[in-house]
Amino acid sequence: RMSADIARRSGGRLDVGVGLGYRDVEFDGKGVR
């Protein structure tokens, strides 16, 4: 939703790069396995 809103407001200038992540502390801190 946020990406779509920002893309619309910016005239389609948003590049959404996504990755898996790899740090255990980040998954643990977010409560995600």
PDB file of all heavy atoms in Angstrom:
ATOM      1  N   ARG A   1       0.831  -1.213   0.000  1.00  0.00           N
ATOM      2  CA  ARG A   1       0.000   0.000   0.000  1.00  0.00           C
ATOM      3  C   ARG A   1       0.861   1.256   0.000  1.00  0.00           C
ATOM      4  O   ARG A   1       0.591   2.208  -0.742  1.00  0.00           O
ATOM      5  CB  ARG A   1      -0.931  -0.005   1.216  1.00  0.00           C
ATOM      6  CG  ARG A   1      -2.068  -1.017   1.161  1.00  0.00           C
ATOM      7  CD  ARG A   1      -3.119  -0.703   2.219  1.00  0.00           C
ATOM      8  NE  ARG A   1      -2.550  -0.660   3.564  1.00  0.00           N
ATOM      9  CZ  ARG A   1      -2.464  -1.716   4.374  1.00  0.00           C
ATOM     10  NH1 ARG A   1      -2.905  -2.893   3.968  1.00  0.00           N
ATOM     11  NH2 ARG A   1      -1.959  -1.593   5.594  1.00  0.00           N
ATOM     12  N   MET A   2       1.889   1.278   0.858  1.00  0.00           N
ATOM     13  CA  MET A   2       2.764   2.454   0.925  1.00  0.00           C
ATOM     14  C   MET A   2       3.515   2.654  -0.387  1.00  0.00           C
ATOM     15  O   MET A   2       3.645   3.782  -0.881  1.00  0.00           O
ATOM     16  CB  MET A   2       3.758   2.309   2.077  1.00  0.00           C
ATOM     17  CG  MET A   2       3.152   2.484   3.454  1.00  0.00           C
ATOM     18  SD  MET A   2       4.427   2.435   4.758  1.00  0.00           S
ATOM     19  CE  MET A   2       5.385   3.908   4.357  1.00  0.00           C
ATOM     20  N   SER A   3       4.027   1.561  -0.945  1.00  0.00           N
ATOM     21  CA  SER A   3       4.762   1.665  -2.206  1.00  0.00           C
ATOM     22  C   SER A   3       3.868   2.196  -3.317  1.00  0.00           C
ATOM     23  O   SER A   3       4.279   3.058  -4.115  1.00  0.00           O
ATOM     24  CB  SER A   3       5.335   0.304  -2.597  1.00  0.00           C
ATOM     25  OG  SER A   3       6.249  -0.172  -1.635  1.00  0.00           O
ATOM     26  N   ALA A   4       2.655   1.680  -3.380  1.00  0.00           N
ATOM     27  CA  ALA A   4       1.729   2.135  -4.412  1.00  0.00           C
ATOM     28  C   ALA A   4       1.401   3.619  -4.243  1.00  0.00           C
ATOM     29  O   ALA A   4       1.357   4.381  -5.211  1.00  0.00           O
ATOM     30  CB  ALA A   4       0.452   1.297  -4.370  1.00  0.00           C
ATOM     31  N   ASP A   5       1.182   4.038  -3.001  1.00  0.00           N
ATOM     32  CA  ASP A   5       0.866   5.438  -2.744  1.00  0.00           C
ATOM     33  C   ASP A   5       2.039   6.350  -3.113  1.00  0.00           C
ATOM     34  O   ASP A   5       1.871   7.375  -3.777  1.00  0.00           O
ATOM     35  CB  ASP A   5       0.505   5.617  -1.270  1.00  0.00           C
ATOM     36  CG  ASP A   5      -0.003   7.013  -0.973  1.00  0.00           C
ATOM     37  OD1 ASP A   5      -0.926   7.480  -1.663  1.00  0.00           O
ATOM     38  OD2 ASP A   5       0.545   7.661  -0.056  1.00  0.00           O
ATOM     39  N   ILE A   6       3.256   5.960  -2.707  1.00  0.00           N
ATOM     40  CA  ILE A   6       4.436   6.764  -3.016  1.00  0.00           C
ATOM     41  C   ILE A   6       4.689   6.793  -4.523  1.00  0.00           C
ATOM     42  O   ILE A   6       5.048   7.841  -5.083  1.00  0.00           O
ATOM     43  CB  ILE A   6       5.662   6.216  -2.261  1.00  0.00           C
ATOM     44  CG1 ILE A   6       5.486   6.423  -0.756  1.00  0.00           C
ATOM     45  CG2 ILE A   6       6.948   6.896  -2.729  1.00  0.00           C
ATOM     46  CD1 ILE A   6       6.500   5.674   0.094  1.00  0.00           C
ATOM     47  N   ALA A   7       4.492   5.655  -5.182  1.00  0.00           N
ATOM     48  CA  ALA A   7       4.677   5.614  -6.626  1.00  0.00           C
ATOM     49  C   ALA A   7       3.716   6.558  -7.331  1.00  0.00           C
ATOM     50  O   ALA A   7       4.097   7.306  -8.239  1.00  0.00           O
ATOM     51  CB  ALA A   7       4.500   4.183  -7.136  1.00  0.00           C
ATOM     52  N   ARG A   8       2.445   6.538  -6.916  1.00  0.00           N
ATOM     53  CA  ARG A   8       1.459   7.431  -7.540  1.00  0.00           C
ATOM     54  C   ARG A   8       1.815   8.897  -7.308  1.00  0.00           C
ATOM     55  O   ARG A   8       1.785   9.715  -8.236  1.00  0.00           O
ATOM     56  CB  ARG A   8       0.066   7.151  -6.974  1.00  0.00           C
ATOM     57  CG  ARG A   8      -0.640   5.967  -7.614  1.00  0.00           C
ATOM     58  CD  ARG A   8      -2.111   5.950  -7.227  1.00  0.00           C
ATOM     59  NE  ARG A   8      -2.270   5.732  -5.788  1.00  0.00           N
ATOM     60  CZ  ARG A   8      -2.468   4.541  -5.237  1.00  0.00           C
ATOM     61  NH1 ARG A   8      -2.513   3.452  -5.986  1.00  0.00           N
ATOM     62  NH2 ARG A   8      -2.608   4.426  -3.925  1.00  0.00           N
ATOM     63  N   ARG A   9       2.165   9.233  -6.068  1.00  0.00           N
ATOM     64  CA  ARG A   9       2.427  10.638  -5.737  1.00  0.00           C
ATOM     65  C   ARG A   9       3.701  11.168  -6.397  1.00  0.00           C
ATOM     66  O   ARG A   9       3.844  12.376  -6.589  1.00  0.00           O
ATOM     67  CB  ARG A   9       2.526  10.802  -4.218  1.00  0.00           C
ATOM     68  CG  ARG A   9       1.208  10.590  -3.490  1.00  0.00           C
ATOM     69  CD  ARG A   9       1.404  10.588  -1.988  1.00  0.00           C
ATOM     70  NE  ARG A   9       0.180  10.268  -1.268  1.00  0.00           N
ATOM     71  CZ  ARG A   9      -0.711  11.171  -0.860  1.00  0.00           C
ATOM     72  NH1 ARG A   9      -0.499  12.453  -1.112  1.00  0.00           N
ATOM     73  NH2 ARG A   9      -1.793  10.802  -0.219  1.00  0.00           N
ATOM     74  N   SER A  10       4.643  10.261  -6.724  1.00  0.00           N
ATOM     75  CA  SER A  10       5.919  10.690  -7.304  1.00  0.00           C
ATOM     76  C   SER A  10       5.947  10.566  -8.821  1.00  0.00           C
ATOM     77  O   SER A  10       6.991  10.801  -9.441  1.00  0.00           O
ATOM     78  CB  SER A  10       7.059   9.859  -6.718  1.00  0.00           C
ATOM     79  OG  SER A  10       6.937   8.495  -7.095  1.00  0.00           O
ATOM     80  N   GLY A  11       4.832  10.190  -9.408  1.00  0.00           N
ATOM     81  CA  GLY A  11       4.816  10.009 -10.854  1.00  0.00           C
ATOM     82  C   GLY A  11       5.549   8.758 -11.298  1.00  0.00           C
ATOM     83  O   GLY A  11       6.140   8.725 -12.381  1.00  0.00           O
ATOM     84  N   GLY A  12       5.525   7.718 -10.459  1.00  0.00           N
ATOM     85  CA  GLY A  12       6.139   6.450 -10.834  1.00  0.00           C
ATOM     86  C   GLY A  12       7.644   6.416 -10.705  1.00  0.00           C
ATOM     87  O   GLY A  12       8.317   5.619 -11.363  1.00  0.00           O
ATOM     88  N   ARG A  13       8.208   7.237  -9.802  1.00  0.00           N
ATOM     89  CA  ARG A  13       9.673   7.320  -9.669  1.00  0.00           C
ATOM     90  C   ARG A  13      10.232   6.429  -8.565  1.00  0.00           C
ATOM     91  O   ARG A  13      11.402   6.557  -8.213  1.00  0.00           O
ATOM     92  CB  ARG A  13      10.094   8.773  -9.416  1.00  0.00           C
ATOM     93  CG  ARG A  13       9.893   9.682 -10.623  1.00  0.00           C
ATOM     94  CD  ARG A  13      10.464  11.062 -10.385  1.00  0.00           C
ATOM     95  NE  ARG A  13       9.701  11.834  -9.421  1.00  0.00           N
ATOM     96  CZ  ARG A  13      10.222  12.471  -8.375  1.00  0.00           C
ATOM     97  NH1 ARG A  13      11.527  12.390  -8.123  1.00  0.00           N
ATOM     98  NH2 ARG A  13       9.458  13.184  -7.554  1.00  0.00           N
ATOM     99  N   LEU A  14       9.438   5.526  -8.037  1.00  0.00           N
ATOM    100  CA  LEU A  14       9.896   4.664  -6.945  1.00  0.00           C
ATOM    101  C   LEU A  14      10.372   3.324  -7.482  1.00  0.00           C
ATOM    102  O   LEU A  14       9.657   2.630  -8.205  1.00  0.00           O
ATOM    103  CB  LEU A  14       8.759   4.426  -5.948  1.00  0.00           C
ATOM    104  CG  LEU A  14       9.091   3.513  -4.764  1.00  0.00           C
ATOM    105  CD1 LEU A  14      10.148   4.145  -3.864  1.00  0.00           C
ATOM    106  CD2 LEU A  14       7.829   3.188  -3.968  1.00  0.00           C
ATOM    107  N   ASP A  15      11.602   2.938  -7.107  1.00  0.00           N
ATOM    108  CA  ASP A  15      12.146   1.617  -7.395  1.00  0.00           C
ATOM    109  C   ASP A  15      12.138   0.821  -6.094  1.00  0.00           C
ATOM    110  O   ASP A  15      12.838   1.184  -5.140  1.00  0.00           O
ATOM    111  CB  ASP A  15      13.569   1.717  -7.941  1.00  0.00           C
ATOM    112  CG  ASP A  15      13.604   2.286  -9.343  1.00  0.00           C
ATOM    113  OD1 ASP A  15      12.903   1.748 -10.205  1.00  0.00           O
ATOM    114  OD2 ASP A  15      14.334   3.274  -9.581  1.00  0.00           O
ATOM    115  N   VAL A  16      11.360  -0.244  -6.063  1.00  0.00           N
ATOM    116  CA  VAL A  16      11.225  -1.052  -4.846  1.00  0.00           C
ATOM    117  C   VAL A  16      12.144  -2.266  -4.973  1.00  0.00           C
ATOM    118  O   VAL A  16      11.795  -3.264  -5.604  1.00  0.00           O
ATOM    119  CB  VAL A  16       9.768  -1.492  -4.611  1.00  0.00           C
ATOM    120  CG1 VAL A  16       9.651  -2.216  -3.276  1.00  0.00           C
ATOM    121  CG2 VAL A  16       8.840  -0.283  -4.631  1.00  0.00           C
ATOM    122  N   GLY A  17      13.319  -2.154  -4.373  1.00  0.00           N
ATOM    123  CA  GLY A  17      14.238  -3.274  -4.342  1.00  0.00           C
ATOM    124  C   GLY A  17      14.014  -4.083  -3.084  1.00  0.00           C
ATOM    125  O   GLY A  17      13.931  -3.527  -1.987  1.00  0.00           O
ATOM    126  N   VAL A  18      13.899  -5.407  -3.231  1.00  0.00           N
ATOM    127  CA  VAL A  18      13.580  -6.257  -2.078  1.00  0.00           C
ATOM    128  C   VAL A  18      14.561  -7.424  -1.998  1.00  0.00           C
ATOM    129  O   VAL A  18      15.025  -7.950  -3.015  1.00  0.00           O
ATOM    130  CB  VAL A  18      12.136  -6.782  -2.147  1.00  0.00           C
ATOM    131  CG1 VAL A  18      11.141  -5.652  -2.007  1.00  0.00           C
ATOM    132  CG2 VAL A  18      11.884  -7.554  -3.442  1.00  0.00           C
ATOM    133  N   GLY A  19      14.865  -7.815  -0.755  1.00  0.00           N
ATOM    134  CA  GLY A  19      15.739  -8.947  -0.524  1.00  0.00           C
ATOM    135  C   GLY A  19      15.236  -9.789   0.628  1.00  0.00           C
ATOM    136  O   GLY A  19      14.318  -9.398   1.366  1.00  0.00           O
ATOM    137  N   LEU A  20      15.875 -10.947   0.808  1.00  0.00           N
ATOM    138  CA  LEU A  20      15.436 -11.905   1.815  1.00  0.00           C
ATOM    139  C   LEU A  20      15.876 -11.538   3.230  1.00  0.00           C
ATOM    140  O   LEU A  20      15.202 -11.876   4.200  1.00  0.00           O
ATOM    141  CB  LEU A  20      16.001 -13.293   1.484  1.00  0.00           C
ATOM    142  CG  LEU A  20      15.302 -14.069   0.376  1.00  0.00           C
ATOM    143  CD1 LEU A  20      16.152 -15.277  -0.016  1.00  0.00           C
ATOM    144  CD2 LEU A  20      13.931 -14.526   0.839  1.00  0.00           C
ATOM    145  N   GLY A  21      17.015 -10.878   3.374  1.00  0.00           N
ATOM    146  CA  GLY A  21      17.591 -10.671   4.693  1.00  0.00           C
ATOM    147  C   GLY A  21      18.392 -11.897   5.119  1.00  0.00           C
ATOM    148  O   GLY A  21      18.172 -13.005   4.617  1.00  0.00           O
ATOM    149  N   TYR A  22      19.318 -11.697   6.076  1.00  0.00           N
ATOM    150  CA  TYR A  22      20.182 -12.816   6.459  1.00  0.00           C
ATOM    151  C   TYR A  22      20.619 -12.784   7.925  1.00  0.00           C
ATOM    152  O   TYR A  22      21.178 -13.747   8.431  1.00  0.00           O
ATOM    153  CB  TYR A  22      21.441 -12.823   5.583  1.00  0.00           C
ATOM    154  CG  TYR A  22      22.254 -11.545   5.677  1.00  0.00           C
ATOM    155  CD1 TYR A  22      23.259 -11.410   6.623  1.00  0.00           C
ATOM    156  CD2 TYR A  22      22.005 -10.479   4.829  1.00  0.00           C
ATOM    157  CE1 TYR A  22      23.995 -10.242   6.726  1.00  0.00           C
ATOM    158  CE2 TYR A  22      22.732  -9.312   4.918  1.00  0.00           C
ATOM    159  CZ  TYR A  22      23.733  -9.190   5.863  1.00  0.00           C
ATOM    160  OH  TYR A  22      24.442  -8.029   5.957  1.00  0.00           O
ATOM    161  N   ARG A  23      20.362 -11.677   8.659  1.00  0.00           N
ATOM    162  CA  ARG A  23      20.860 -11.553  10.023  1.00  0.00           C
ATOM    163  C   ARG A  23      19.859 -12.136  11.021  1.00  0.00           C
ATOM    164  O   ARG A  23      18.699 -11.718  11.076  1.00  0.00           O
ATOM    165  CB  ARG A  23      21.125 -10.080  10.366  1.00  0.00           C
ATOM    166  CG  ARG A  23      22.185  -9.423   9.506  1.00  0.00           C
ATOM    167  CD  ARG A  23      22.355  -7.954   9.850  1.00  0.00           C
ATOM    168  NE  ARG A  23      22.946  -7.779  11.169  1.00  0.00           N
ATOM    169  CZ  ARG A  23      22.486  -6.934  12.094  1.00  0.00           C
ATOM    170  NH1 ARG A  23      21.395  -6.217  11.844  1.00  0.00           N
ATOM    171  NH2 ARG A  23      23.096  -6.826  13.255  1.00  0.00           N
ATOM    172  N   ASP A  24      20.339 -13.080  11.827  1.00  0.00           N
ATOM    173  CA  ASP A  24      19.464 -13.717  12.810  1.00  0.00           C
ATOM    174  C   ASP A  24      18.845 -12.707  13.763  1.00  0.00           C
ATOM    175  O   ASP A  24      17.671 -12.821  14.135  1.00  0.00           O
ATOM    176  CB  ASP A  24      20.252 -14.763  13.612  1.00  0.00           C
ATOM    177  CG  ASP A  24      20.587 -15.991  12.785  1.00  0.00           C
ATOM    178  OD1 ASP A  24      19.886 -16.254  11.791  1.00  0.00           O
ATOM    179  OD2 ASP A  24      21.566 -16.685  13.130  1.00  0.00           O
ATOM    180  N   VAL A  25      19.642 -11.708  14.170  1.00  0.00           N
ATOM    181  CA  VAL A  25      19.143 -10.748  15.150  1.00  0.00           C
ATOM    182  C   VAL A  25      17.939  -9.981  14.610  1.00  0.00           C
ATOM    183  O   VAL A  25      17.030  -9.601  15.363  1.00  0.00           O
ATOM    184  CB  VAL A  25      20.267  -9.779  15.583  1.00  0.00           C
ATOM    185  CG1 VAL A  25      20.698  -8.872  14.433  1.00  0.00           C
ATOM    186  CG2 VAL A  25      19.828  -8.927  16.775  1.00  0.00           C
ATOM    187  N   GLU A  26      17.902  -9.764  13.307  1.00  0.00           N
ATOM    188  CA  GLU A  26      16.781  -9.032  12.723  1.00  0.00           C
ATOM    189  C   GLU A  26      15.514  -9.881  12.727  1.00  0.00           C
ATOM    190  O   GLU A  26      14.427  -9.382  13.051  1.00  0.00           O
ATOM    191  CB  GLU A  26      17.145  -8.590  11.304  1.00  0.00           C
ATOM    192  CG  GLU A  26      18.252  -7.553  11.296  1.00  0.00           C
ATOM    193  CD  GLU A  26      18.683  -7.134   9.902  1.00  0.00           C
ATOM    194  OE1 GLU A  26      18.823  -8.008   9.034  1.00  0.00           O
ATOM    195  OE2 GLU A  26      18.893  -5.935   9.686  1.00  0.00           O
ATOM    196  N   PHE A  27      15.656 -11.139  12.378  1.00  0.00           N
ATOM    197  CA  PHE A  27      14.483 -12.020  12.393  1.00  0.00           C
ATOM    198  C   PHE A  27      13.996 -12.240  13.827  1.00  0.00           C
ATOM    199  O   PHE A  27      12.791 -12.184  14.098  1.00  0.00           O
ATOM    200  CB  PHE A  27      14.817 -13.356  11.723  1.00  0.00           C
ATOM    201  CG  PHE A  27      14.925 -13.255  10.226  1.00  0.00           C
ATOM    202  CD1 PHE A  27      16.136 -12.989   9.620  1.00  0.00           C
ATOM    203  CD2 PHE A  27      13.799 -13.399   9.435  1.00  0.00           C
ATOM    204  CE1 PHE A  27      16.232 -12.874   8.235  1.00  0.00           C
ATOM    205  CE2 PHE A  27      13.874 -13.291   8.053  1.00  0.00           C
ATOM    206  CZ  PHE A  27      15.099 -13.025   7.450  1.00  0.00           C
ATOM    207  N   ASP A  28      14.946 -12.447  14.741  1.00  0.00           N
ATOM    208  CA  ASP A  28      14.557 -12.639  16.141  1.00  0.00           C
ATOM    209  C   ASP A  28      13.878 -11.390  16.699  1.00  0.00           C
ATOM    210  O   ASP A  28      12.856 -11.469  17.388  1.00  0.00           O
ATOM    211  CB  ASP A  28      15.789 -12.978  16.986  1.00  0.00           C
ATOM    212  CG  ASP A  28      16.378 -14.341  16.642  1.00  0.00           C
ATOM    213  OD1 ASP A  28      15.679 -15.142  15.995  1.00  0.00           O
ATOM    214  OD2 ASP A  28      17.547 -14.584  17.009  1.00  0.00           O
ATOM    215  N   GLY A  29      14.457 -10.227  16.407  1.00  0.00           N
ATOM    216  CA  GLY A  29      13.913  -8.981  16.926  1.00  0.00           C
ATOM    217  C   GLY A  29      12.536  -8.663  16.394  1.00  0.00           C
ATOM    218  O   GLY A  29      11.722  -8.026  17.069  1.00  0.00           O
ATOM    219  N   LYS A  30      12.262  -9.122  15.175  1.00  0.00           N
ATOM    220  CA  LYS A  30      10.954  -8.894  14.556  1.00  0.00           C
ATOM    221  C   LYS A  30       9.958 -10.016  14.858  1.00  0.00           C
ATOM    222  O   LYS A  30       8.803  -9.955  14.432  1.00  0.00           O
ATOM    223  CB  LYS A  30      11.115  -8.760  13.033  1.00  0.00           C
ATOM    224  CG  LYS A  30      11.839  -7.503  12.591  1.00  0.00           C
ATOM    225  CD  LYS A  30      10.954  -6.280  12.724  1.00  0.00           C
ATOM    226  CE  LYS A  30      11.592  -5.055  12.119  1.00  0.00           C
ATOM    227  NZ  LYS A  30      10.701  -3.877  12.159  1.00  0.00           N
ATOM    228  N   GLY A  31      10.428 -11.064  15.555  1.00  0.00           N
ATOM    229  CA  GLY A  31       9.543 -12.177  15.863  1.00  0.00           C
ATOM    230  C   GLY A  31       9.175 -13.009  14.649  1.00  0.00           C
ATOM    231  O   GLY A  31       8.081 -13.572  14.572  1.00  0.00           O
ATOM    232  N   VAL A  32      10.107 -13.096  13.694  1.00  0.00           N
ATOM    233  CA  VAL A  32       9.874 -13.845  12.462  1.00  0.00           C
ATOM    234  C   VAL A  32      10.856 -15.014  12.416  1.00  0.00           C
ATOM    235  O   VAL A  32      12.052 -14.833  12.656  1.00  0.00           O
ATOM    236  CB  VAL A  32      10.081 -12.948  11.220  1.00  0.00           C
ATOM    237  CG1 VAL A  32       9.960 -13.767   9.941  1.00  0.00           C
ATOM    238  CG2 VAL A  32       9.068 -11.813  11.212  1.00  0.00           C
ATOM    239  N   ARG A  33      10.368 -16.188  12.096  1.00  0.00           N
ATOM    240  CA  ARG A  33      11.260 -17.333  11.967  1.00  0.00           C
ATOM    241  C   ARG A  33      12.041 -17.236  10.655  1.00  0.00           C
ATOM    242  O   ARG A  33      11.450 -17.036   9.585  1.00  0.00           O
ATOM    243  CB  ARG A  33      10.473 -18.642  11.988  1.00  0.00           C
ATOM    244  CG  ARG A  33       9.696 -18.895  13.275  1.00  0.00           C
ATOM    245  CD  ARG A  33       9.223 -20.341  13.340  1.00  0.00           C
ATOM    246  NE  ARG A  33       8.611 -20.785  12.081  1.00  0.00           N
ATOM    247  CZ  ARG A  33       8.398 -22.058  11.762  1.00  0.00           C
ATOM    248  NH1 ARG A  33       8.747 -23.018  12.605  1.00  0.00           N
ATOM    249  NH2 ARG A  33       7.826 -22.372  10.621  1.00  0.00           N
TER     250      ARG A  33
END
